[in-house]
Amino acid sequence: MSGIVLTIHIIACIVLVGLVLLQSGKEGMGVIFGGGSSSVFGSSGAGGVLVKATAVLAVLFLLTSLTYNKLTGVKAVTRDSIMMSVPAPEPKVPEAAKPEVIFEEPAPAKPQGEQ
């Protein structure tokens, strides 16, 4: 079942990209910054067959995305992870490889007058 949904999803993606690229821009760069005609759908109306087909394929893309996620999604597990049940191993360092640190107190400084 998930193979069929995935196939429909890929076909919808490819056709959707093609339909978006086929549509022509009407007003240039002014539309990006809020310019253009005052109607909601532009000066030419709601659009033709390409706009409607794009909307249908966008809905199909959304539905196949959600369906495929539901079919193949990860199920929540109630038990702990197996990584949590195994104690962490302590690193084994040979005695000879351990560095030796010696802390020494510095000798007290003599005053300037004494020698």
Protein backbone atom coordinates (compact mmCIF):
# COMPACT_ATOMS: atom_id res chain seq x y z
CA MET A 1 0.00 0.00 0.00
CA SER A 2 2.78 2.44 0.87
CA GLY A 3 4.41 1.75 -2.52
CA ILE A 4 1.28 2.87 -4.35
CA VAL A 5 0.99 6.02 -2.23
CA LEU A 6 4.68 6.78 -2.77
CA THR A 7 4.34 6.33 -6.55
CA ILE A 8 1.34 8.67 -6.68
CA HIS A 9 3.23 11.16 -4.51
CA ILE A 10 6.29 11.21 -6.79
CA ILE A 11 4.16 11.61 -9.91
CA ALA A 12 2.21 14.43 -8.25
CA CYS A 13 5.48 16.15 -7.31
CA ILE A 14 6.87 16.03 -10.84
CA VAL A 15 3.63 17.21 -12.47
CA LEU A 16 3.17 19.93 -9.84
CA VAL A 17 6.64 21.33 -10.53
CA GLY A 18 5.88 21.28 -14.26
CA LEU A 19 2.57 23.08 -13.81
CA VAL A 20 4.10 25.79 -11.65
CA LEU A 21 6.83 26.37 -14.21
CA LEU A 22 4.30 26.57 -17.05
CA GLN A 23 2.37 29.40 -15.44
CA SER A 24 3.39 32.86 -16.58
CA GLY A 25 4.05 35.76 -14.28
CA LYS A 26 1.71 38.64 -15.00
CA GLU A 27 3.17 41.73 -13.41
CA GLY A 28 6.91 41.33 -12.87
CA MET A 29 8.82 42.19 -9.70
CA GLY A 30 6.22 44.66 -8.43
CA VAL A 31 4.02 41.81 -7.19
CA ILE A 32 6.70 40.69 -4.71
CA PHE A 33 6.64 44.01 -2.88
CA GLY A 34 2.85 44.32 -2.69
CA GLY A 35 2.20 46.18 -5.91
CA GLY A 36 -0.16 45.09 -8.62
CA SER A 37 -3.86 45.19 -9.14
CA SER A 38 -6.30 45.58 -6.30
CA SER A 39 -8.32 42.40 -6.82
CA VAL A 40 -7.55 39.24 -4.88
CA PHE A 41 -6.81 37.06 -7.91
CA GLY A 42 -5.07 39.72 -10.02
CA SER A 43 -6.33 41.61 -13.01
CA SER A 44 -7.09 38.51 -15.08
CA GLY A 45 -9.42 36.81 -12.60
CA ALA A 46 -9.05 33.47 -10.85
CA GLY A 47 -7.04 31.89 -13.65
CA GLY A 48 -7.51 29.11 -16.10
CA VAL A 49 -6.95 25.42 -16.28
CA LEU A 50 -3.32 25.60 -15.09
CA VAL A 51 -4.23 27.30 -11.83
CA LYS A 52 -7.02 24.85 -11.08
CA ALA A 53 -4.84 21.84 -11.95
CA THR A 54 -2.07 23.24 -9.72
CA ALA A 55 -4.51 23.56 -6.82
CA VAL A 56 -5.78 20.00 -7.30
CA LEU A 57 -2.23 18.60 -7.46
CA ALA A 58 -1.23 20.61 -4.39
CA VAL A 59 -4.08 19.00 -2.45
CA LEU A 60 -3.09 15.58 -3.81
CA PHE A 61 0.53 16.24 -2.76
CA LEU A 62 -0.60 17.14 0.76
CA LEU A 63 -2.85 14.10 1.08
CA THR A 64 -0.23 11.65 -0.21
CA SER A 65 2.37 13.19 2.12
CA LEU A 66 0.15 12.72 5.15
CA THR A 67 -0.96 9.23 4.09
CA TYR A 68 2.59 8.01 3.48
CA ASN A 69 3.68 9.42 6.83
CA LYS A 70 0.79 7.64 8.56
CA LEU A 71 1.57 4.33 6.83
CA THR A 72 5.31 4.31 7.46
CA GLY A 73 5.62 6.51 10.55
CA VAL A 74 7.48 5.41 13.64
CA LYS A 75 5.24 4.00 16.32
CA ALA A 76 5.72 5.26 19.86
CA VAL A 77 7.24 2.68 22.17
CA THR A 78 6.52 2.51 25.87
CA ARG A 79 9.58 0.57 26.95
CA ASP A 80 12.96 2.09 27.62
CA SER A 81 15.69 2.07 25.06
CA ILE A 82 18.10 -0.85 25.15
CA MET A 83 20.89 1.71 25.33
CA MET A 84 19.59 2.79 28.73
CA SER A 85 19.58 -0.74 30.17
CA VAL A 86 23.26 -1.50 29.49
CA PRO A 87 25.69 0.02 32.00
CA ALA A 88 28.40 2.17 30.49
CA PRO A 89 31.79 0.43 30.46
CA GLU A 90 34.56 2.05 32.44
CA PRO A 91 37.65 2.80 30.36
CA LYS A 92 40.62 0.60 31.26
CA VAL A 93 43.84 2.63 31.42
CA PRO A 94 47.09 0.81 32.22
CA GLU A 95 48.87 2.04 35.34
CA ALA A 96 52.02 2.98 33.43
CA ALA A 97 50.10 5.23 31.06
CA LYS A 98 48.59 7.38 33.82
CA PRO A 99 50.39 10.71 34.14
CA GLU A 100 51.81 11.55 37.53
CA VAL A 101 50.89 14.94 38.93
CA ILE A 102 52.88 16.39 41.82
CA PHE A 103 51.76 19.51 43.64
CA GLU A 104 54.51 21.41 45.44
CA GLU A 105 54.18 24.46 47.61
CA PRO A 106 56.36 27.34 46.43
CA ALA A 107 59.11 28.41 48.84
CA PRO A 108 58.21 31.55 50.81
CA ALA A 109 59.79 34.68 49.41
CA LYS A 110 62.53 36.31 51.50
CA PRO A 111 62.19 40.00 52.32
CA GLN A 112 64.51 42.44 50.47
CA GLY A 113 66.66 43.22 53.50
CA GLU A 114 67.62 39.60 54.32
CA GLN A 115 70.12 37.45 52.50
